[in-house]
Amino acid sequence: MFLARVVGNVVSTVKHPAYHGKKILILDLIDKEGNPTGDYQIGVDYVGAGPGDLVIAGGPPGAAREVFNIKFAPIKVLVMGIVDKYYIGEEEYPS
């Protein structure tokens, strides 16, 4: 799992059936201080996240199949939570 900021949406008219009706987001991974790294992932939204949201994303193999109840889900990254804040030691982010 990793923390990321949602920076955009992906719009696709032709796609695998597993993506139909799902929001596809562009995620910019963040470092431990909350700064964008410029390392991007594409994630399928499960929680209603949108641009600007800080999210927790990831997922083990097969997680999307279980979550979306579809037989074959070529989905590597699920957006699983919108993060209000996180802590490293006593330090709170975002501050």
Protein backbone atom coordinates (compact mmCIF):
# COMPACT_ATOMS: atom_id res chain seq x y z
CA MET A 1 0.00 0.00 0.00
CA PHE A 2 1.02 3.58 -0.50
CA LEU A 3 -0.15 7.15 0.00
CA ALA A 4 -0.84 9.33 -3.02
CA ARG A 5 -2.56 12.50 -4.13
CA VAL A 6 -5.25 12.21 -6.81
CA VAL A 7 -4.12 14.50 -9.62
CA GLY A 8 -6.57 13.62 -12.37
CA ASN A 9 -9.02 11.28 -14.04
CA VAL A 10 -8.63 8.88 -16.96
CA VAL A 11 -11.37 8.88 -19.59
CA SER A 12 -11.49 5.91 -21.95
CA THR A 13 -14.27 4.96 -24.34
CA VAL A 14 -12.80 1.55 -25.17
CA LYS A 15 -11.67 -0.49 -22.18
CA HIS A 16 -11.69 -3.91 -20.56
CA PRO A 17 -15.16 -4.82 -19.20
CA ALA A 18 -13.74 -4.82 -15.64
CA TYR A 19 -13.39 -1.04 -15.90
CA HIS A 20 -16.97 -0.30 -17.02
CA GLY A 21 -18.74 1.91 -14.49
CA LYS A 22 -15.54 2.46 -12.49
CA LYS A 23 -13.74 5.78 -12.00
CA ILE A 24 -10.08 5.57 -13.01
CA LEU A 25 -7.74 8.01 -11.27
CA ILE A 26 -4.20 9.27 -11.81
CA LEU A 27 -2.27 9.10 -8.53
CA ASP A 28 0.94 10.96 -7.70
CA LEU A 29 2.77 9.07 -4.96
CA ILE A 30 3.93 11.18 -2.02
CA ASP A 31 7.03 11.00 0.14
CA LYS A 32 6.85 10.71 3.92
CA GLU A 33 6.49 14.49 4.32
CA GLY A 34 3.54 14.56 1.91
CA ASN A 35 5.41 16.01 -1.05
CA PRO A 36 4.59 14.72 -4.54
CA THR A 37 7.28 12.47 -5.99
CA GLY A 38 6.31 12.61 -9.66
CA ASP A 39 5.95 8.81 -9.64
CA TYR A 40 2.48 8.11 -10.98
CA GLN A 41 0.14 5.13 -10.75
CA ILE A 42 -3.28 4.54 -12.24
CA GLY A 43 -5.88 3.39 -9.71
CA VAL A 44 -9.49 2.28 -9.79
CA ASP A 45 -11.59 4.19 -7.27
CA TYR A 46 -13.52 2.27 -4.62
CA VAL A 47 -14.33 5.12 -2.22
CA GLY A 48 -15.42 8.18 -4.22
CA ALA A 49 -12.06 9.98 -4.26
CA GLY A 50 -11.41 12.88 -6.58
CA PRO A 51 -8.71 15.33 -7.66
CA GLY A 52 -6.86 16.82 -4.70
CA ASP A 53 -7.72 14.01 -2.29
CA LEU A 54 -4.98 12.28 -0.31
CA VAL A 55 -5.63 8.55 -0.61
CA ILE A 56 -4.36 5.16 0.46
CA ALA A 57 -4.02 2.81 -2.48
CA GLY A 58 -2.61 -0.57 -3.42
CA GLY A 59 -3.95 -4.04 -3.24
CA PRO A 60 -2.74 -7.61 -3.28
CA PRO A 61 -3.34 -9.79 -6.34
CA GLY A 62 -7.00 -10.75 -6.54
CA ALA A 63 -8.23 -7.93 -4.30
CA ALA A 64 -10.10 -6.16 -7.10
CA ARG A 65 -11.82 -9.40 -8.06
CA GLU A 66 -13.19 -9.72 -4.52
CA VAL A 67 -14.03 -6.04 -4.06
CA PHE A 68 -15.87 -5.58 -7.36
CA ASN A 69 -17.18 -9.17 -7.54
CA ILE A 70 -16.00 -9.79 -11.09
CA LYS A 71 -14.45 -12.99 -12.38
CA PHE A 72 -11.40 -11.46 -14.09
CA ALA A 73 -10.18 -8.06 -12.92
CA PRO A 74 -6.93 -6.79 -14.47
CA ILE A 75 -6.73 -4.09 -11.81
CA LYS A 76 -3.41 -3.61 -10.03
CA VAL A 77 -4.17 -0.57 -7.85
CA LEU A 78 -7.34 0.10 -5.86
CA VAL A 79 -8.02 3.42 -4.18
CA MET A 80 -9.22 2.13 -0.80
CA GLY A 81 -9.45 5.16 1.45
CA ILE A 82 -9.44 8.95 1.65
CA VAL A 83 -6.88 10.07 4.23
CA ASP A 84 -7.58 12.97 6.58
CA LYS A 85 -4.14 12.91 8.22
CA TYR A 86 -1.30 10.56 9.09
CA TYR A 87 1.47 10.47 11.65
CA ILE A 88 5.16 9.62 11.55
CA GLY A 89 6.23 9.47 15.16
CA GLU A 90 4.76 12.58 16.78
CA GLU A 91 4.67 14.53 13.51
CA GLU A 92 1.22 15.04 11.95
CA TYR A 93 0.77 15.31 8.17
CA PRO A 94 -0.55 17.24 6.40
CA SER A 95 0.21 19.91 8.96
